Amino acid sequence: MARHCQGHIAQCLGGILAHRGGATVAVGSGGHRLSGAEFVDGVRRLAAGLVERGVRPGDVVAVVAFNSIEYVELFLAVALVGAIIAPLNYRWSFEEAAQALELVQPTAFVFDGVFSSWALRLTEGSKFSSIGLYLILGDACGAGHAANFDHIKRSVRESTAIEPVSAPRDVALICFTSGTTGRPKGVAISHTSLIIQSLAKIAIVGYGEDDVYLHTAPLCHIGGISSCMAILMAGGCHVLMPKFDAKSAFDAIKEHGVTSFITVPAIMADLLSYARKERVPGPVMTVTKILNGGGGLSDELRNGASQLFPHAAIFSAYGMTEACSSLTFMAINKPKHQEPNSQPSSHSGGVCVGKPAPHVEIQIGMDANNTSSSPTGNILTRGLHTMVGYWGDNKVDSSDCLRNGWLDTGDTGWMDKAGNLWLMGRQKGRIKTGGENVYPEEVELVLSQHPGVARVMVVGIPDSRLGEKVIACVSIRDGWKWVDARAEHQGKGNEVSPKILQDHCRLKNLSRFKVPRSYYQWRQPFPVTSTGKIRREELKREILATMQIPSNL
């Protein structure tokens, strides 16, 4: 049963209309601009049109599209009428998307012109009979019997305020995980979670109505959606490009005076690479806030970002889809207020990812089998930010994911006396060698600090004596030479060899049992998810196949 709710993401519309009605709040492709009043009017008209076409509270509305103003309008319109939006990753194949659609059984399917063929294929079979409404974004001609987005808005005679309605269990969004360990899961996120995540970003990063925010992340990911929601609540201006590329990003920054955006390491690397190759006039002075997630920035990326964006406060965030994005935040570069020791620190005990946001509880849970004196354990979190549960059989199931309100993040770490969280690595990626636990991320951090290493991945492979043996797959930087010579080779100049990397690990005080026994030059791209996270098990299978070692994966 749907209910009227005090906490609802569409309540931001009132603030936008009251305080930003005459100001530009959205800029789309081709420089199309909407004032606050125009934006709110569009959302309300679309919401009314959805109701007229049978969308009801609790219904799931699936969407596959590139970033656009219409996407943001749809996000709020669906929420306004108490339905649940389920964004599909546009990088998926149709078959992967079909699996997600089977899981959520939507009553409406929304798409932009690029994905018209998907809509046609969905209508051909009986598997998706739950879909009663097909809607194409923008003013493009509908595919088959698809309704037109702009036509629906124009067909509503009058834009009136609609009282926000919530779906059962307060669910606003089904966001799919990026699937590093298998088939993506549908994570049910509540209105409350989105609101308090937005408030955390506003309080810590400092978003406000003067911000011009560039959408670098896709709206199908929790990082993109949660940051979009924060800017909506803060009353800032959204600049939307269909999908990220460095040239378009720099063009938008220059044209619209962009002040803030989010990155993952791959996005930051692309920005810095483009700036160097194209000799982008720098430094870029308008940008004042950068939030990085999806993995830490290397020293090289962090220093490059500070030089290119000298006025930007750069923050790092650690989080996950199941926690509605960011759990902890850390300022890694504050211009003019830089403390001598405020750079993110790392040592053999992991990587510091900062302090929990005000609404977040974090606890280190010890495994029942852990008899060591180490403070390391499973990272657990509790609070209103956690997911309602996983979506399945047209309902939310939280029985296996929340225990006494605590969500197991799947990561391992420890807390220091100052309240900082130190991240060791994924529980499932842990290597058991000679009775000792090795976290690949910890070893990768040390190896990545060698100047000749561009990227490195560490895995464990079967070993008759140790159980598992630690090995490293290394991608070297341009201008460096890999010398796959005998172990005692010392190297000279810009050379990298197994011996050099072993010595580097020991110089960095990495415990002996954590130092990789073997090193391989990796010449091809590492297998990654759509968000740039390594598919470690897939990489492991490739290594085992190359080495002709039997695998039970």
Protein backbone atom coordinates (compact mmCIF):
# COMPACT_ATOMS: atom_id res chain seq x y z
CA MET A 1 0.00 0.00 0.00
CA ALA A 2 1.37 3.39 -0.97
CA ARG A 3 1.56 6.13 1.59
CA HIS A 4 2.14 9.85 1.84
CA CYS A 5 5.53 10.45 3.36
CA GLN A 6 7.28 13.29 5.13
CA GLY A 7 10.68 12.41 3.62
CA HIS A 8 10.49 12.29 -0.17
CA ILE A 9 13.08 13.13 -2.82
CA ALA A 10 10.53 15.07 -4.91
CA GLN A 11 10.13 17.59 -2.08
CA CYS A 12 13.18 19.33 -3.55
CA LEU A 13 10.86 20.67 -6.27
CA GLY A 14 9.29 23.15 -3.85
CA GLY A 15 12.66 24.61 -2.96
CA ILE A 16 13.75 24.83 -6.59
CA LEU A 17 10.54 26.65 -7.52
CA ALA A 18 10.67 29.02 -4.53
CA HIS A 19 14.37 29.90 -4.58
CA ARG A 20 15.59 29.11 -8.10
CA GLY A 21 12.50 29.69 -10.21
CA GLY A 22 14.08 32.29 -12.47
CA ALA A 23 17.61 30.89 -12.46
CA THR A 24 19.05 28.30 -14.82
CA VAL A 25 19.05 24.92 -13.08
CA ALA A 26 19.70 22.58 -16.02
CA VAL A 27 21.76 22.74 -19.21
CA GLY A 28 21.51 19.91 -21.73
CA SER A 29 22.91 18.97 -25.11
CA GLY A 30 23.16 21.83 -27.56
CA GLY A 31 23.05 24.36 -24.74
CA HIS A 32 19.32 23.81 -24.05
CA ARG A 33 18.55 25.56 -20.75
CA LEU A 34 15.74 25.29 -18.23
CA SER A 35 14.92 27.69 -15.42
CA GLY A 36 13.85 26.32 -12.07
CA ALA A 37 10.20 27.08 -12.89
CA GLU A 38 10.44 25.35 -16.28
CA PHE A 39 12.13 22.33 -14.78
CA VAL A 40 9.51 21.89 -12.04
CA ASP A 41 6.71 22.39 -14.56
CA GLY A 42 8.18 19.64 -16.75
CA VAL A 43 8.45 17.19 -13.86
CA ARG A 44 4.88 17.81 -12.74
CA ARG A 45 3.48 17.50 -16.26
CA LEU A 46 5.36 14.27 -16.83
CA ALA A 47 4.14 12.87 -13.50
CA ALA A 48 0.54 13.66 -14.42
CA GLY A 49 1.05 12.07 -17.84
CA LEU A 50 2.44 8.89 -16.29
CA VAL A 51 -0.61 8.60 -14.02
CA GLU A 52 -2.93 9.11 -17.01
CA ARG A 53 -1.15 6.21 -18.73
CA GLY A 54 -1.58 3.82 -15.83
CA VAL A 55 1.57 4.15 -13.74
CA ARG A 56 0.67 3.50 -10.10
CA PRO A 57 2.45 3.61 -6.73
CA GLY A 58 4.78 0.63 -6.38
CA ASP A 59 5.14 0.11 -10.14
CA VAL A 60 8.66 -0.27 -11.50
CA VAL A 61 9.71 2.01 -14.36
CA ALA A 62 12.87 0.79 -16.12
CA VAL A 63 14.99 3.23 -18.11
CA VAL A 64 17.99 2.90 -20.41
CA ALA A 65 19.39 6.16 -21.76
CA PHE A 66 22.37 8.45 -21.82
CA ASN A 67 22.44 11.39 -19.40
CA SER A 68 20.01 14.19 -20.25
CA ILE A 69 17.70 16.76 -18.68
CA GLU A 70 14.80 14.44 -19.53
CA TYR A 71 16.43 11.65 -17.52
CA VAL A 72 16.53 13.85 -14.41
CA GLU A 73 12.91 14.92 -14.98
CA LEU A 74 11.90 11.27 -15.29
CA PHE A 75 13.74 10.36 -12.09
CA LEU A 76 11.71 12.87 -10.08
CA ALA A 77 8.40 12.35 -11.91
CA VAL A 78 8.47 8.60 -11.28
CA ALA A 79 9.23 9.20 -7.60
CA LEU A 80 6.54 11.88 -7.33
CA VAL A 81 3.75 9.41 -8.21
CA GLY A 82 5.08 6.71 -5.88
CA ALA A 83 6.59 4.48 -8.55
CA ILE A 84 10.13 3.06 -8.48
CA ILE A 85 12.74 3.87 -11.11
CA ALA A 86 15.15 1.12 -12.22
CA PRO A 87 18.00 2.52 -14.35
CA LEU A 88 19.70 0.01 -16.66
CA ASN A 89 23.36 0.34 -17.55
CA TYR A 90 23.67 1.58 -21.12
CA ARG A 91 26.96 -0.30 -21.46
CA TRP A 92 25.18 -3.63 -21.04
CA SER A 93 24.33 -5.92 -23.91
CA PHE A 94 20.63 -6.44 -24.57
CA GLU A 95 20.90 -9.91 -23.02
CA GLU A 96 22.31 -8.48 -19.79
CA ALA A 97 19.57 -5.85 -19.70
CA ALA A 98 16.95 -8.53 -20.28
CA GLN A 99 18.17 -10.36 -17.17
CA ALA A 100 17.71 -7.21 -15.11
CA LEU A 101 14.24 -6.64 -16.57
CA GLU A 102 13.25 -10.20 -15.69
CA LEU A 103 14.28 -9.44 -12.12
CA VAL A 104 12.28 -6.22 -11.68
CA GLN A 105 9.30 -6.93 -14.00
CA PRO A 106 8.64 -3.28 -14.93
CA THR A 107 5.27 -1.90 -15.96
CA ALA A 108 6.93 0.80 -18.08
CA PHE A 109 10.08 0.88 -20.20
CA VAL A 110 11.69 4.24 -21.00
CA PHE A 111 14.52 4.67 -23.50
CA ASP A 112 16.21 7.23 -25.71
CA GLY A 113 16.57 6.95 -29.47
CA VAL A 114 19.86 5.05 -29.26
CA PHE A 115 18.05 2.10 -27.66
CA SER A 116 14.97 1.93 -29.88
CA SER A 117 16.02 -1.54 -31.03
CA TRP A 118 15.83 -2.76 -27.43
CA ALA A 119 12.23 -1.62 -27.17
CA LEU A 120 11.33 -3.42 -30.41
CA ARG A 121 12.93 -6.65 -29.21
CA LEU A 122 11.08 -6.45 -25.89
CA THR A 123 7.72 -6.21 -27.65
CA GLU A 124 8.39 -9.25 -29.84
CA GLY A 125 8.16 -11.90 -27.11
CA SER A 126 5.86 -12.69 -24.21
CA LYS A 127 8.57 -12.71 -21.53
CA PHE A 128 7.99 -9.03 -20.69
CA SER A 129 4.21 -8.91 -20.75
CA SER A 130 4.30 -6.79 -17.57
CA ILE A 131 5.38 -3.78 -19.67
CA GLY A 132 2.30 -1.80 -20.57
CA LEU A 133 3.93 1.52 -21.45
CA TYR A 134 6.87 2.21 -23.75
CA LEU A 135 8.16 5.78 -23.62
CA ILE A 136 10.91 7.38 -25.71
CA LEU A 137 12.79 10.34 -24.24
CA GLY A 138 12.98 13.73 -25.95
CA ASP A 139 11.07 14.66 -29.07
CA ALA A 140 12.21 11.68 -31.16
CA CYS A 141 9.67 9.59 -33.03
CA GLY A 142 8.48 6.63 -31.01
CA ALA A 143 9.60 3.12 -31.90
CA GLY A 144 6.59 0.94 -32.66
CA HIS A 145 3.82 1.96 -30.29
CA ALA A 146 6.10 3.89 -27.90
CA ALA A 147 4.74 7.14 -26.53
CA ASN A 148 6.73 10.34 -26.95
CA PHE A 149 8.16 11.99 -23.83
CA ASP A 150 7.60 15.59 -24.91
CA HIS A 151 4.13 14.78 -26.26
CA ILE A 152 3.10 13.38 -22.88
CA LYS A 153 4.17 16.60 -21.16
CA ARG A 154 2.39 18.79 -23.70
CA SER A 155 -0.79 16.72 -23.49
CA VAL A 156 -1.29 17.64 -19.83
CA ARG A 157 -3.49 20.72 -19.86
CA GLU A 158 -2.27 22.28 -16.65
CA SER A 159 0.75 21.82 -14.43
CA THR A 160 -0.40 21.48 -10.83
CA ALA A 161 1.40 20.61 -7.64
CA ILE A 162 1.17 16.89 -6.87
CA GLU A 163 1.38 15.60 -3.32
CA PRO A 164 4.38 13.22 -3.23
CA VAL A 165 3.53 9.56 -2.68
CA SER A 166 5.93 6.81 -1.59
CA ALA A 167 6.00 3.21 -2.73
CA PRO A 168 5.74 0.36 -0.22
CA ARG A 169 8.72 0.26 2.17
CA ASP A 170 9.71 3.76 1.00
CA VAL A 171 11.55 2.39 -2.07
CA ALA A 172 12.45 5.08 -4.60
CA LEU A 173 15.10 3.38 -6.71
CA ILE A 174 16.37 -0.02 -7.80
CA CYS A 175 20.05 0.44 -8.57
CA PHE A 176 22.02 -2.44 -10.01
CA THR A 177 25.43 -3.35 -8.64
CA SER A 178 28.33 -3.35 -11.06
CA GLY A 179 28.76 -7.07 -10.65
CA THR A 180 32.45 -7.66 -9.79
CA THR A 181 31.61 -11.13 -8.45
CA GLY A 182 28.83 -12.23 -10.74
CA ARG A 183 25.38 -11.32 -11.99
CA PRO A 184 24.35 -7.78 -10.95
CA LYS A 185 21.81 -7.51 -8.14
CA GLY A 186 18.96 -5.03 -7.89
CA VAL A 187 19.48 -2.91 -4.77
CA ALA A 188 16.34 -1.27 -3.39
CA ILE A 189 17.14 2.26 -2.12
CA SER A 190 14.70 4.34 -0.07
CA HIS A 191 13.78 8.02 -0.26
CA THR A 192 15.25 8.43 3.21
CA SER A 193 18.60 6.96 2.16
CA LEU A 194 18.85 9.28 -0.84
CA ILE A 195 17.98 12.31 1.28
CA ILE A 196 20.51 11.70 4.04
CA GLN A 197 23.21 10.79 1.51
CA SER A 198 22.51 14.11 -0.21
CA LEU A 199 22.72 15.98 3.08
CA ALA A 200 26.08 14.33 3.81
CA LYS A 201 27.49 15.44 0.46
CA ILE A 202 26.12 18.96 0.93
CA ALA A 203 27.64 19.19 4.42
CA ILE A 204 31.02 17.64 3.66
CA VAL A 205 31.74 18.53 0.03
CA GLY A 206 29.96 21.86 0.36
CA TYR A 207 27.50 21.88 -2.54
CA GLY A 208 25.28 24.97 -2.73
CA GLU A 209 22.99 26.87 -5.07
CA ASP A 210 25.97 28.64 -6.65
CA ASP A 211 27.40 25.35 -7.88
CA VAL A 212 27.43 24.46 -11.57
CA TYR A 213 27.71 20.68 -11.49
CA LEU A 214 28.94 18.68 -14.48
CA HIS A 215 27.47 15.17 -14.70
CA THR A 216 30.55 13.08 -15.48
CA ALA A 217 29.07 9.86 -14.05
CA PRO A 218 26.16 8.02 -15.67
CA LEU A 219 22.79 8.32 -13.96
CA CYS A 220 22.48 4.54 -13.99
CA HIS A 221 25.10 4.31 -11.22
CA ILE A 222 24.57 5.15 -7.56
CA GLY A 223 27.40 7.70 -7.61
CA GLY A 224 25.76 9.59 -10.45
CA ILE A 225 22.26 9.41 -9.01
CA SER A 226 23.19 10.31 -5.42
CA SER A 227 25.28 13.30 -6.52
CA CYS A 228 22.46 14.43 -8.83
CA MET A 229 20.10 14.29 -5.85
CA ALA A 230 22.52 16.32 -3.72
CA ILE A 231 22.66 19.08 -6.34
CA LEU A 232 18.85 19.03 -6.66
CA MET A 233 18.53 19.52 -2.90
CA ALA A 234 21.22 22.22 -2.85
CA GLY A 235 19.56 24.09 -5.72
CA GLY A 236 22.60 24.07 -7.99
CA CYS A 237 22.72 23.99 -11.78
CA HIS A 238 23.08 20.67 -13.64
CA VAL A 239 25.17 20.46 -16.81
CA LEU A 240 24.42 17.21 -18.62
CA MET A 241 26.39 15.65 -21.45
CA PRO A 242 25.18 12.29 -22.84
CA LYS A 243 28.23 10.41 -21.61
CA PHE A 244 31.69 11.31 -20.43
CA ASP A 245 34.56 12.10 -22.71
CA ALA A 246 37.40 14.41 -21.78
CA LYS A 247 36.97 16.86 -24.66
CA SER A 248 33.26 17.38 -23.98
CA ALA A 249 34.01 17.79 -20.29
CA PHE A 250 36.58 20.53 -20.85
CA ASP A 251 34.30 22.25 -23.36
CA ALA A 252 31.48 22.24 -20.79
CA ILE A 253 33.74 23.49 -18.00
CA LYS A 254 34.86 26.41 -20.14
CA GLU A 255 31.43 27.27 -21.59
CA HIS A 256 29.35 26.99 -18.43
CA GLY A 257 31.84 27.84 -15.69
CA VAL A 258 31.58 24.41 -14.06
CA THR A 259 32.45 24.45 -10.36
CA SER A 260 32.08 20.80 -9.37
CA PHE A 261 32.06 17.24 -10.64
CA ILE A 262 32.77 13.71 -9.49
CA THR A 263 35.37 11.26 -10.78
CA VAL A 264 36.63 7.74 -10.59
CA PRO A 265 40.37 7.22 -11.20
CA ALA A 266 39.77 6.43 -14.89
CA ILE A 267 37.90 9.71 -15.44
CA MET A 268 40.62 11.73 -13.71
CA ALA A 269 43.29 9.94 -15.75
CA ASP A 270 41.42 10.76 -18.97
CA LEU A 271 41.08 14.42 -18.00
CA LEU A 272 44.78 14.78 -17.20
CA SER A 273 45.85 12.87 -20.30
CA TYR A 274 43.67 15.02 -22.56
CA ALA A 275 44.89 18.21 -20.90
CA ARG A 276 48.51 17.21 -21.60
CA LYS A 277 48.02 15.98 -25.16
CA GLU A 278 45.77 18.82 -26.28
CA ARG A 279 47.61 21.45 -24.24
CA VAL A 280 44.46 22.63 -22.53
CA PRO A 281 45.07 26.17 -21.29
CA GLY A 282 45.47 25.86 -17.58
CA PRO A 283 45.12 25.96 -14.77
CA VAL A 284 41.30 25.63 -14.67
CA MET A 285 40.18 28.18 -12.10
CA THR A 286 36.38 27.75 -11.90
CA VAL A 287 36.40 24.24 -10.42
CA THR A 288 36.23 24.32 -6.61
CA LYS A 289 34.98 20.82 -5.67
CA ILE A 290 35.95 17.36 -6.92
CA LEU A 291 34.67 14.18 -5.29
CA ASN A 292 36.45 10.95 -6.23
CA GLY A 293 35.08 7.47 -5.65
CA GLY A 294 35.40 3.98 -7.09
CA GLY A 295 39.00 3.61 -5.91
CA GLY A 296 41.70 5.90 -4.58
CA LEU A 297 43.65 8.37 -6.69
CA SER A 298 47.32 7.53 -7.12
CA ASP A 299 49.93 10.10 -6.12
CA GLU A 300 50.40 10.93 -9.80
CA LEU A 301 46.68 11.53 -10.40
CA ARG A 302 46.26 13.49 -7.17
CA ASN A 303 49.21 15.76 -7.91
CA GLY A 304 48.09 16.23 -11.50
CA ALA A 305 44.57 17.13 -10.39
CA SER A 306 45.88 19.66 -7.88
CA GLN A 307 47.94 21.37 -10.58
CA LEU A 308 45.19 21.38 -13.21
CA PHE A 309 42.44 22.43 -10.76
CA PRO A 310 44.36 24.52 -8.18
CA HIS A 311 41.24 26.02 -6.55
CA ALA A 312 39.53 22.66 -6.08
CA ALA A 313 39.04 20.95 -2.76
CA ILE A 314 39.48 17.29 -3.67
CA PHE A 315 37.66 14.69 -1.61
CA SER A 316 37.86 10.93 -1.67
CA ALA A 317 34.85 8.79 -0.76
CA TYR A 318 34.49 5.12 0.09
CA GLY A 319 31.14 3.44 -0.31
CA MET A 320 28.94 1.00 -2.16
CA THR A 321 25.60 0.75 -3.92
CA GLU A 322 24.03 -1.07 -0.97
CA ALA A 323 24.85 1.91 1.28
CA CYS A 324 23.46 4.50 -1.16
CA SER A 325 26.95 5.58 -2.20
CA SER A 326 29.43 7.13 0.25
CA LEU A 327 30.10 5.85 3.77
CA THR A 328 33.29 7.77 4.52
CA PHE A 329 34.85 10.96 3.20
CA MET A 330 38.38 12.30 3.26
CA ALA A 331 39.73 15.67 2.15
CA ILE A 332 42.90 14.88 0.22
CA ASN A 333 43.66 18.39 -0.98
CA LYS A 334 42.28 21.65 0.37
CA PRO A 335 43.81 24.68 -1.37
CA LYS A 336 45.20 27.37 0.93
CA HIS A 337 44.33 25.26 3.97
CA GLN A 338 46.64 22.31 3.35
CA GLU A 339 47.86 20.68 6.53
CA PRO A 340 51.37 19.22 6.40
CA ASN A 341 50.17 15.68 7.04
CA SER A 342 46.72 15.81 5.47
CA GLN A 343 47.59 13.70 2.43
CA PRO A 344 45.89 10.30 2.46
CA SER A 345 48.19 7.91 4.21
CA SER A 346 48.91 4.27 3.58
CA HIS A 347 51.14 1.62 5.06
CA SER A 348 51.18 -2.12 5.46
CA GLY A 349 47.91 -1.81 7.37
CA GLY A 350 45.84 -0.72 4.39
CA VAL A 351 44.60 2.58 3.00
CA CYS A 352 42.98 5.31 5.06
CA VAL A 353 39.58 6.22 3.56
CA GLY A 354 38.58 8.85 6.11
CA LYS A 355 35.88 9.23 8.71
CA PRO A 356 32.25 8.09 8.48
CA ALA A 357 29.64 10.63 7.41
CA PRO A 358 27.54 11.98 10.32
CA HIS A 359 24.64 9.61 9.64
CA VAL A 360 26.78 6.49 9.30
CA GLU A 361 27.67 3.91 11.94
CA ILE A 362 30.65 1.70 11.16
CA GLN A 363 31.77 -1.29 13.17
CA ILE A 364 34.51 -3.85 12.65
CA GLY A 365 33.03 -7.32 13.01
CA MET A 366 35.37 -10.16 13.88
CA ASP A 367 34.87 -13.50 12.17
CA ALA A 368 34.12 -16.33 14.57
CA ASN A 369 37.21 -18.12 13.25
CA ASN A 370 39.49 -15.12 13.77
CA THR A 371 41.65 -15.98 16.76
CA SER A 372 44.47 -13.53 16.02
CA SER A 373 45.08 -10.30 17.89
CA SER A 374 44.73 -8.27 14.68
CA PRO A 375 42.13 -5.46 14.80
CA THR A 376 41.21 -6.26 11.21
CA GLY A 377 37.73 -7.57 10.51
CA ASN A 378 34.66 -7.27 8.34
CA ILE A 379 33.47 -3.69 7.78
CA LEU A 380 29.84 -3.42 8.91
CA THR A 381 27.59 -0.39 8.65
CA ARG A 382 24.24 0.55 10.13
CA GLY A 383 21.87 3.46 9.66
CA LEU A 384 19.13 4.88 7.50
CA HIS A 385 21.57 5.03 4.58
CA THR A 386 21.58 1.26 4.09
CA MET A 387 19.50 -0.40 1.41
CA VAL A 388 16.02 -1.72 2.06
CA GLY A 389 17.16 -5.02 0.55
CA TYR A 390 17.68 -6.81 -2.73
CA TRP A 391 14.84 -6.86 -5.24
CA GLY A 392 13.45 -10.21 -6.34
CA ASP A 393 10.10 -11.80 -7.19
CA ASN A 394 8.56 -8.33 -7.44
CA LYS A 395 9.38 -7.50 -3.82
CA VAL A 396 12.24 -6.53 -1.52
CA ASP A 397 14.11 -9.23 0.38
CA SER A 398 16.28 -8.05 3.26
CA SER A 399 16.50 -11.34 5.16
CA ASP A 400 20.01 -12.31 4.06
CA CYS A 401 21.71 -8.92 3.79
CA LEU A 402 20.91 -7.08 7.03
CA ARG A 403 21.57 -8.75 10.38
CA ASN A 404 20.29 -6.82 13.38
CA GLY A 405 20.34 -3.76 11.17
CA TRP A 406 24.01 -4.19 10.22
CA LEU A 407 25.05 -4.45 6.57
CA ASP A 408 28.21 -6.39 5.77
CA THR A 409 30.02 -4.34 3.12
CA GLY A 410 32.04 -7.31 1.90
CA ASP A 411 35.22 -5.36 2.68
CA THR A 412 37.81 -5.85 5.39
CA GLY A 413 39.47 -3.12 7.43
CA TRP A 414 40.08 -1.56 10.83
CA MET A 415 39.48 1.70 12.71
CA ASP A 416 42.25 3.80 14.23
CA LYS A 417 42.00 5.79 17.47
CA ALA A 418 41.09 8.97 15.58
CA GLY A 419 38.03 7.30 14.08
CA ASN A 420 39.47 6.84 10.59
CA LEU A 421 38.58 3.73 8.62
CA TRP A 422 41.46 1.81 7.04
CA LEU A 423 40.51 -0.35 4.08
CA MET A 424 42.34 -3.64 3.58
CA GLY A 425 40.41 -5.21 0.69
CA ARG A 426 37.52 -7.42 -0.36
CA GLN A 427 36.66 -10.39 1.83
CA LYS A 428 36.08 -12.58 -1.22
CA GLY A 429 39.38 -11.57 -2.81
CA ARG A 430 41.42 -12.48 0.24
CA ILE A 431 44.35 -14.82 -0.44
CA LYS A 432 45.16 -17.54 2.09
CA THR A 433 48.85 -18.37 1.81
CA GLY A 434 50.75 -20.49 4.31
CA GLY A 435 48.06 -19.85 6.91
CA GLU A 436 48.31 -16.06 6.54
CA ASN A 437 45.73 -13.65 5.08
CA VAL A 438 46.82 -11.40 2.21
CA TYR A 439 44.57 -8.68 0.82
CA PRO A 440 45.35 -8.03 -2.87
CA GLU A 441 44.55 -4.32 -2.63
CA GLU A 442 47.23 -3.83 0.01
CA VAL A 443 49.93 -5.40 -2.18
CA GLU A 444 48.66 -3.54 -5.26
CA LEU A 445 48.97 -0.23 -3.41
CA VAL A 446 52.64 -0.88 -2.67
CA LEU A 447 53.49 -2.06 -6.19
CA SER A 448 51.65 0.86 -7.80
CA GLN A 449 54.05 3.24 -6.04
CA HIS A 450 56.91 2.04 -8.27
CA PRO A 451 57.43 4.66 -11.01
CA GLY A 452 57.46 2.06 -13.79
CA VAL A 453 54.14 0.46 -12.87
CA ALA A 454 51.05 1.82 -14.62
CA ARG A 455 48.60 -0.68 -13.16
CA VAL A 456 48.86 -3.91 -11.23
CA MET A 457 46.52 -6.68 -10.13
CA VAL A 458 47.31 -9.29 -7.51
CA VAL A 459 45.60 -12.68 -7.23
CA GLY A 460 46.17 -16.00 -5.52
CA ILE A 461 46.63 -19.19 -7.52
CA PRO A 462 46.58 -22.78 -6.20
CA ASP A 463 49.82 -24.00 -4.64
CA SER A 464 50.35 -27.50 -3.22
CA ARG A 465 52.47 -26.30 -0.30
CA LEU A 466 51.08 -22.86 0.58
CA GLY A 467 47.44 -23.38 -0.39
CA GLU A 468 47.61 -20.27 -2.55
CA LYS A 469 50.55 -18.41 -4.02
CA VAL A 470 50.56 -14.62 -4.41
CA ILE A 471 51.24 -13.46 -7.97
CA ALA A 472 51.18 -10.02 -9.58
CA CYS A 473 50.14 -9.04 -13.10
CA VAL A 474 51.87 -5.80 -14.02
CA SER A 475 51.15 -3.28 -16.76
CA ILE A 476 54.18 -1.02 -17.20
CA ARG A 477 54.27 2.64 -18.15
CA ASP A 478 55.22 3.98 -21.55
CA GLY A 479 58.96 4.49 -21.77
CA TRP A 480 59.72 1.60 -19.41
CA LYS A 481 61.05 -1.84 -20.39
CA TRP A 482 60.01 -5.15 -18.89
CA VAL A 483 62.98 -7.46 -18.33
CA ASP A 484 61.70 -10.98 -17.74
CA ALA A 485 65.11 -12.20 -16.69
CA ARG A 486 66.46 -14.43 -13.97
CA ALA A 487 65.54 -13.46 -10.41
CA GLU A 488 68.85 -11.75 -9.61
CA HIS A 489 68.53 -9.23 -12.47
CA GLN A 490 68.88 -5.79 -10.89
CA GLY A 491 67.74 -3.64 -13.81
CA LYS A 492 69.10 -0.35 -15.02
CA GLY A 493 67.55 2.92 -16.06
CA ASN A 494 63.89 2.58 -16.93
CA GLU A 495 63.71 -1.19 -16.52
CA VAL A 496 61.29 -3.26 -14.48
CA SER A 497 61.92 -6.87 -13.50
CA PRO A 498 60.56 -9.33 -10.92
CA LYS A 499 63.66 -8.79 -8.78
CA ILE A 500 63.24 -5.01 -8.87
CA LEU A 501 59.59 -5.29 -7.84
CA GLN A 502 60.39 -7.74 -5.04
CA ASP A 503 63.03 -5.36 -3.69
CA HIS A 504 60.55 -2.49 -3.96
CA CYS A 505 58.00 -4.40 -1.84
CA ARG A 506 60.57 -5.12 0.84
CA LEU A 507 61.81 -1.52 0.79
CA LYS A 508 58.20 -0.49 1.51
CA ASN A 509 58.21 -2.86 4.52
CA LEU A 510 55.64 -5.23 3.07
CA SER A 511 55.57 -8.43 5.11
CA ARG A 512 57.52 -11.23 3.49
CA PHE A 513 54.53 -13.52 3.06
CA LYS A 514 52.66 -10.74 1.22
CA VAL A 515 55.37 -10.16 -1.39
CA PRO A 516 54.34 -11.81 -4.68
CA ARG A 517 56.24 -14.97 -5.57
CA SER A 518 55.80 -14.42 -9.32
CA TYR A 519 55.35 -11.42 -11.62
CA TYR A 520 53.90 -11.33 -15.12
CA GLN A 521 53.81 -8.50 -17.62
CA TRP A 522 50.16 -7.92 -18.54
CA ARG A 523 49.87 -6.57 -22.09
CA GLN A 524 46.09 -6.54 -22.53
CA PRO A 525 43.40 -4.51 -20.73
CA PHE A 526 42.38 -5.91 -17.36
CA PRO A 527 38.79 -7.24 -17.32
CA VAL A 528 36.65 -4.58 -15.67
CA THR A 529 33.04 -3.74 -14.89
CA SER A 530 31.27 -0.74 -16.40
CA THR A 531 32.48 1.38 -13.46
CA GLY A 532 36.12 0.40 -13.93
CA LYS A 533 36.30 -2.14 -11.10
CA ILE A 534 38.44 -5.19 -11.78
CA ARG A 535 36.66 -8.49 -12.31
CA ARG A 536 39.22 -10.28 -10.19
CA GLU A 537 37.81 -13.79 -10.62
CA GLU A 538 37.74 -13.37 -14.40
CA LEU A 539 41.35 -12.18 -14.30
CA LYS A 540 42.24 -15.19 -12.18
CA ARG A 541 40.64 -17.56 -14.70
CA GLU A 542 42.63 -15.94 -17.52
CA ILE A 543 45.86 -16.39 -15.57
CA LEU A 544 45.12 -20.02 -14.75
CA ALA A 545 44.29 -20.72 -18.39
CA THR A 546 47.54 -19.08 -19.52
CA MET A 547 49.53 -21.10 -16.99
CA GLN A 548 47.48 -24.24 -17.77
CA ILE A 549 46.56 -24.75 -14.13
CA PRO A 550 43.21 -26.47 -13.43
CA SER A 551 40.57 -24.12 -12.05
CA ASN A 552 37.45 -24.83 -10.00
CA LEU A 553 36.14 -21.26 -10.48
